[in-house]
Amino acid sequence: MTGGTKRQKDMRKALRLLLPHIPMRDAESILTASLAGHLRQLPPSIALWQATTSYVRHELTDYDVLLDDGYDRDAARFFVVDDMNTVLEGWGCKNRVSAEDDFVS
């Protein structure tokens, strides 16, 4: 994971600072998402945080199952916020999410 554009390098640096203990598999998925077109105009740290919260919410919690079961978005977020913060803590992240956060997902 070396080389690339300045933005890619900035994203990798921001990832190491934000999530120092993240597994490589998860890091690659989050980096790919953070470089998506709809996040391109955001600073690397913000794009990375939005990609991180979306990835954790959709891939590592029951968020989508709750939506499929009929819960609305706010209720589903409420029920997964603790699981999300547990994952973030395990990755060495100092940031936390709350059920009220309005992140891209």
N, C-alpha and C. Protein backbone atom coordinates (compact mmCIF):
# COMPACT_ATOMS: atom_id res chain seq x y z
N MET A 1 0.82 -1.19 0.00
CA MET A 1 0.00 0.00 0.00
C MET A 1 0.87 1.25 0.00
N THR A 2 1.79 1.33 -0.93
CA THR A 2 2.62 2.53 -1.06
C THR A 2 2.35 3.14 -2.42
N GLY A 3 2.83 4.35 -2.62
CA GLY A 3 2.62 5.01 -3.89
C GLY A 3 1.22 5.56 -4.00
N GLY A 4 0.85 5.92 -5.22
CA GLY A 4 -0.47 6.45 -5.47
C GLY A 4 -0.47 7.97 -5.52
N THR A 5 -1.66 8.52 -5.63
CA THR A 5 -1.81 9.97 -5.71
C THR A 5 -1.57 10.60 -4.34
N LYS A 6 -1.45 11.91 -4.33
CA LYS A 6 -1.28 12.62 -3.06
C LYS A 6 -2.48 12.35 -2.15
N ARG A 7 -3.67 12.36 -2.71
CA ARG A 7 -4.87 12.10 -1.89
C ARG A 7 -4.82 10.69 -1.30
N GLN A 8 -4.42 9.71 -2.09
CA GLN A 8 -4.33 8.33 -1.57
C GLN A 8 -3.31 8.25 -0.44
N LYS A 9 -2.19 8.93 -0.61
CA LYS A 9 -1.18 8.94 0.45
C LYS A 9 -1.71 9.64 1.69
N ASP A 10 -2.42 10.75 1.50
CA ASP A 10 -3.00 11.48 2.63
C ASP A 10 -4.03 10.61 3.36
N MET A 11 -4.81 9.84 2.59
CA MET A 11 -5.81 8.96 3.18
C MET A 11 -5.15 7.86 4.02
N ARG A 12 -4.09 7.27 3.49
CA ARG A 12 -3.40 6.21 4.25
C ARG A 12 -2.81 6.77 5.54
N LYS A 13 -2.25 7.97 5.47
CA LYS A 13 -1.71 8.60 6.67
C LYS A 13 -2.82 8.88 7.69
N ALA A 14 -3.93 9.43 7.22
CA ALA A 14 -5.06 9.71 8.10
C ALA A 14 -5.61 8.42 8.71
N LEU A 15 -5.63 7.34 7.93
CA LEU A 15 -6.11 6.05 8.43
C LEU A 15 -5.22 5.54 9.56
N ARG A 16 -3.91 5.63 9.38
CA ARG A 16 -2.99 5.17 10.44
C ARG A 16 -3.16 5.97 11.72
N LEU A 17 -3.47 7.26 11.59
CA LEU A 17 -3.68 8.10 12.77
C LEU A 17 -5.03 7.80 13.44
N LEU A 18 -6.06 7.64 12.63
CA LEU A 18 -7.41 7.44 13.15
C LEU A 18 -7.61 6.03 13.70
N LEU A 19 -7.09 5.03 12.99
CA LEU A 19 -7.37 3.62 13.30
C LEU A 19 -6.07 2.83 13.35
N PRO A 20 -5.25 3.06 14.35
CA PRO A 20 -3.91 2.45 14.36
C PRO A 20 -3.89 0.92 14.43
N HIS A 21 -4.96 0.29 14.90
CA HIS A 21 -4.96 -1.18 15.06
C HIS A 21 -5.95 -1.88 14.13
N ILE A 22 -6.35 -1.22 13.07
CA ILE A 22 -7.34 -1.80 12.17
C ILE A 22 -6.73 -2.96 11.38
N PRO A 23 -7.46 -4.05 11.22
CA PRO A 23 -6.98 -5.14 10.36
C PRO A 23 -6.87 -4.69 8.91
N MET A 24 -5.91 -5.22 8.19
CA MET A 24 -5.65 -4.82 6.81
C MET A 24 -6.88 -4.97 5.92
N ARG A 25 -7.63 -6.06 6.08
CA ARG A 25 -8.82 -6.29 5.26
C ARG A 25 -9.81 -5.14 5.40
N ASP A 26 -10.04 -4.73 6.64
CA ASP A 26 -10.97 -3.64 6.89
C ASP A 26 -10.39 -2.31 6.40
N ALA A 27 -9.09 -2.11 6.60
CA ALA A 27 -8.44 -0.88 6.17
C ALA A 27 -8.58 -0.70 4.66
N GLU A 28 -8.37 -1.76 3.90
CA GLU A 28 -8.47 -1.66 2.44
C GLU A 28 -9.88 -1.29 2.00
N SER A 29 -10.88 -1.88 2.63
CA SER A 29 -12.27 -1.56 2.28
C SER A 29 -12.61 -0.12 2.60
N ILE A 30 -12.16 0.35 3.75
CA ILE A 30 -12.44 1.73 4.16
C ILE A 30 -11.69 2.71 3.26
N LEU A 31 -10.44 2.41 2.94
CA LEU A 31 -9.70 3.30 2.03
C LEU A 31 -10.38 3.40 0.67
N THR A 32 -10.82 2.28 0.14
CA THR A 32 -11.51 2.29 -1.15
C THR A 32 -12.76 3.17 -1.07
N ALA A 33 -13.54 2.99 -0.02
CA ALA A 33 -14.77 3.78 0.15
C ALA A 33 -14.46 5.26 0.34
N SER A 34 -13.40 5.57 1.05
CA SER A 34 -13.07 6.97 1.32
C SER A 34 -12.62 7.71 0.08
N LEU A 35 -12.22 6.98 -0.94
CA LEU A 35 -11.77 7.59 -2.20
C LEU A 35 -12.90 7.68 -3.23
N ALA A 36 -14.11 7.29 -2.84
CA ALA A 36 -15.26 7.33 -3.75
C ALA A 36 -15.57 8.77 -4.17
N GLY A 37 -16.14 8.90 -5.33
CA GLY A 37 -16.42 10.21 -5.90
C GLY A 37 -17.23 11.14 -5.03
N HIS A 38 -18.24 10.62 -4.33
CA HIS A 38 -19.09 11.49 -3.53
C HIS A 38 -18.37 12.05 -2.30
N LEU A 39 -17.22 11.51 -1.95
CA LEU A 39 -16.44 12.02 -0.83
C LEU A 39 -15.20 12.79 -1.28
N ARG A 40 -15.01 12.89 -2.57
CA ARG A 40 -13.78 13.47 -3.14
C ARG A 40 -13.54 14.91 -2.71
N GLN A 41 -14.58 15.69 -2.52
CA GLN A 41 -14.41 17.11 -2.20
C GLN A 41 -14.15 17.35 -0.71
N LEU A 42 -14.26 16.32 0.10
CA LEU A 42 -14.05 16.47 1.54
C LEU A 42 -12.57 16.32 1.89
N PRO A 43 -12.14 16.95 2.97
CA PRO A 43 -10.77 16.72 3.43
C PRO A 43 -10.58 15.24 3.75
N PRO A 44 -9.37 14.71 3.60
CA PRO A 44 -9.13 13.29 3.84
C PRO A 44 -9.64 12.78 5.19
N SER A 45 -9.44 13.53 6.25
CA SER A 45 -9.86 13.05 7.57
C SER A 45 -11.37 12.90 7.67
N ILE A 46 -12.12 13.81 7.06
CA ILE A 46 -13.58 13.73 7.11
C ILE A 46 -14.09 12.62 6.20
N ALA A 47 -13.54 12.52 5.00
CA ALA A 47 -13.94 11.44 4.09
C ALA A 47 -13.65 10.09 4.71
N LEU A 48 -12.51 9.97 5.36
CA LEU A 48 -12.14 8.72 6.00
C LEU A 48 -13.08 8.38 7.16
N TRP A 49 -13.43 9.37 7.96
CA TRP A 49 -14.34 9.12 9.09
C TRP A 49 -15.71 8.69 8.57
N GLN A 50 -16.20 9.35 7.54
CA GLN A 50 -17.50 8.96 7.00
C GLN A 50 -17.45 7.55 6.42
N ALA A 51 -16.39 7.23 5.71
CA ALA A 51 -16.25 5.88 5.16
C ALA A 51 -16.13 4.85 6.28
N THR A 52 -15.44 5.21 7.34
CA THR A 52 -15.27 4.30 8.48
C THR A 52 -16.60 4.01 9.16
N THR A 53 -17.35 5.05 9.47
CA THR A 53 -18.61 4.84 10.18
C THR A 53 -19.60 4.06 9.31
N SER A 54 -19.62 4.36 8.02
CA SER A 54 -20.51 3.63 7.13
C SER A 54 -20.12 2.16 7.04
N TYR A 55 -18.83 1.90 6.89
CA TYR A 55 -18.35 0.52 6.81
C TYR A 55 -18.67 -0.26 8.07
N VAL A 56 -18.35 0.31 9.21
CA VAL A 56 -18.60 -0.39 10.48
C VAL A 56 -20.09 -0.63 10.65
N ARG A 57 -20.90 0.37 10.38
CA ARG A 57 -22.35 0.24 10.55
C ARG A 57 -22.92 -0.87 9.66
N HIS A 58 -22.54 -0.87 8.38
CA HIS A 58 -23.16 -1.80 7.44
C HIS A 58 -22.51 -3.19 7.43
N GLU A 59 -21.22 -3.26 7.68
CA GLU A 59 -20.51 -4.54 7.56
C GLU A 59 -20.29 -5.27 8.88
N LEU A 60 -20.28 -4.54 9.98
CA LEU A 60 -19.88 -5.16 11.25
C LEU A 60 -20.93 -5.07 12.34
N THR A 61 -22.14 -4.63 11.98
CA THR A 61 -23.25 -4.61 12.95
C THR A 61 -24.50 -5.18 12.28
N ASP A 62 -25.57 -5.25 13.04
CA ASP A 62 -26.86 -5.74 12.53
C ASP A 62 -27.72 -4.62 11.95
N TYR A 63 -27.13 -3.50 11.61
CA TYR A 63 -27.88 -2.34 11.13
C TYR A 63 -28.81 -2.69 9.96
N ASP A 64 -28.29 -3.32 8.94
CA ASP A 64 -29.11 -3.64 7.76
C ASP A 64 -30.20 -4.66 8.09
N VAL A 65 -29.91 -5.58 8.99
CA VAL A 65 -30.93 -6.55 9.42
C VAL A 65 -32.07 -5.82 10.13
N LEU A 66 -31.71 -4.84 10.97
CA LEU A 66 -32.74 -4.06 11.66
C LEU A 66 -33.60 -3.28 10.67
N LEU A 67 -32.98 -2.69 9.66
CA LEU A 67 -33.75 -1.99 8.63
C LEU A 67 -34.68 -2.96 7.90
N ASP A 68 -34.15 -4.14 7.57
CA ASP A 68 -34.97 -5.15 6.90
C ASP A 68 -36.13 -5.62 7.77
N ASP A 69 -35.93 -5.57 9.09
CA ASP A 69 -36.98 -5.97 10.03
C ASP A 69 -38.01 -4.87 10.26
N GLY A 70 -37.82 -3.72 9.62
CA GLY A 70 -38.81 -2.66 9.71
C GLY A 70 -38.46 -1.50 10.62
N TYR A 71 -37.31 -1.53 11.26
CA TYR A 71 -36.91 -0.40 12.07
C TYR A 71 -36.55 0.77 11.16
N ASP A 72 -36.87 1.99 11.61
CA ASP A 72 -36.44 3.13 10.80
C ASP A 72 -34.96 3.39 11.05
N ARG A 73 -34.39 4.26 10.23
CA ARG A 73 -32.95 4.51 10.27
C ARG A 73 -32.48 4.97 11.65
N ASP A 74 -33.21 5.88 12.27
CA ASP A 74 -32.78 6.39 13.58
C ASP A 74 -32.82 5.30 14.65
N ALA A 75 -33.85 4.47 14.64
CA ALA A 75 -33.95 3.39 15.63
C ALA A 75 -32.83 2.37 15.40
N ALA A 76 -32.58 2.01 14.15
CA ALA A 76 -31.52 1.05 13.85
C ALA A 76 -30.17 1.59 14.30
N ARG A 77 -29.92 2.86 14.05
CA ARG A 77 -28.66 3.47 14.50
C ARG A 77 -28.54 3.44 16.01
N PHE A 78 -29.63 3.70 16.70
CA PHE A 78 -29.62 3.66 18.16
C PHE A 78 -29.19 2.28 18.65
N PHE A 79 -29.71 1.24 18.04
CA PHE A 79 -29.43 -0.11 18.51
C PHE A 79 -28.02 -0.61 18.17
N VAL A 80 -27.36 -0.01 17.19
CA VAL A 80 -26.02 -0.49 16.83
C VAL A 80 -24.89 0.42 17.30
N VAL A 81 -25.20 1.55 17.90
CA VAL A 81 -24.16 2.52 18.26
C VAL A 81 -23.13 1.92 19.22
N ASP A 82 -23.55 1.14 20.18
CA ASP A 82 -22.59 0.53 21.12
C ASP A 82 -21.67 -0.46 20.41
N ASP A 83 -22.24 -1.25 19.49
CA ASP A 83 -21.42 -2.21 18.73
C ASP A 83 -20.40 -1.46 17.86
N MET A 84 -20.82 -0.37 17.27
CA MET A 84 -19.90 0.43 16.45
C MET A 84 -18.75 0.97 17.29
N ASN A 85 -19.07 1.50 18.45
CA ASN A 85 -18.03 2.06 19.32
C ASN A 85 -17.10 0.99 19.85
N THR A 86 -17.60 -0.20 20.05
CA THR A 86 -16.73 -1.31 20.47
C THR A 86 -15.71 -1.63 19.38
N VAL A 87 -16.17 -1.67 18.13
CA VAL A 87 -15.25 -1.93 17.01
C VAL A 87 -14.22 -0.81 16.93
N LEU A 88 -14.67 0.42 16.97
CA LEU A 88 -13.75 1.56 16.87
C LEU A 88 -12.72 1.54 18.00
N GLU A 89 -13.17 1.24 19.19
CA GLU A 89 -12.25 1.15 20.33
C GLU A 89 -11.21 0.05 20.11
N GLY A 90 -11.65 -1.08 19.59
CA GLY A 90 -10.73 -2.18 19.30
C GLY A 90 -9.69 -1.83 18.25
N TRP A 91 -10.03 -0.92 17.37
CA TRP A 91 -9.10 -0.48 16.34
C TRP A 91 -8.20 0.67 16.83
N GLY A 92 -8.36 1.05 18.10
CA GLY A 92 -7.54 2.12 18.65
C GLY A 92 -8.02 3.51 18.32
N CYS A 93 -9.27 3.63 17.89
CA CYS A 93 -9.83 4.93 17.51
C CYS A 93 -10.28 5.67 18.75
N LYS A 94 -9.95 6.95 18.82
CA LYS A 94 -10.37 7.78 19.95
C LYS A 94 -11.74 8.40 19.72
N ASN A 95 -12.18 8.47 18.46
CA ASN A 95 -13.49 9.02 18.13
C ASN A 95 -14.58 8.01 18.45
N ARG A 96 -15.75 8.53 18.75
CA ARG A 96 -16.91 7.68 19.00
C ARG A 96 -18.10 8.23 18.21
N VAL A 97 -19.08 7.39 17.96
CA VAL A 97 -20.31 7.81 17.30
C VAL A 97 -21.43 7.80 18.32
N SER A 98 -22.47 8.58 18.02
CA SER A 98 -23.67 8.55 18.83
C SER A 98 -24.83 8.25 17.90
N ALA A 99 -25.96 7.88 18.45
CA ALA A 99 -27.12 7.53 17.63
C ALA A 99 -27.63 8.75 16.86
N GLU A 100 -27.31 9.94 17.30
CA GLU A 100 -27.78 11.14 16.64
C GLU A 100 -26.87 11.60 15.51
N ASP A 101 -25.68 11.03 15.39
CA ASP A 101 -24.74 11.45 14.35
C ASP A 101 -25.36 11.25 12.97
N ASP A 102 -25.17 12.21 12.11
CA ASP A 102 -25.74 12.13 10.76
C ASP A 102 -24.61 11.93 9.76
N PHE A 103 -24.12 10.69 9.66
CA PHE A 103 -23.03 10.36 8.75
C PHE A 103 -23.57 9.73 7.50
N VAL A 104 -22.79 9.82 6.44
CA VAL A 104 -23.13 9.14 5.18
C VAL A 104 -23.19 7.65 5.44
N SER A 105 -24.19 6.99 4.92
CA SER A 105 -24.24 5.53 5.09
C SER A 105 -24.87 4.84 3.94
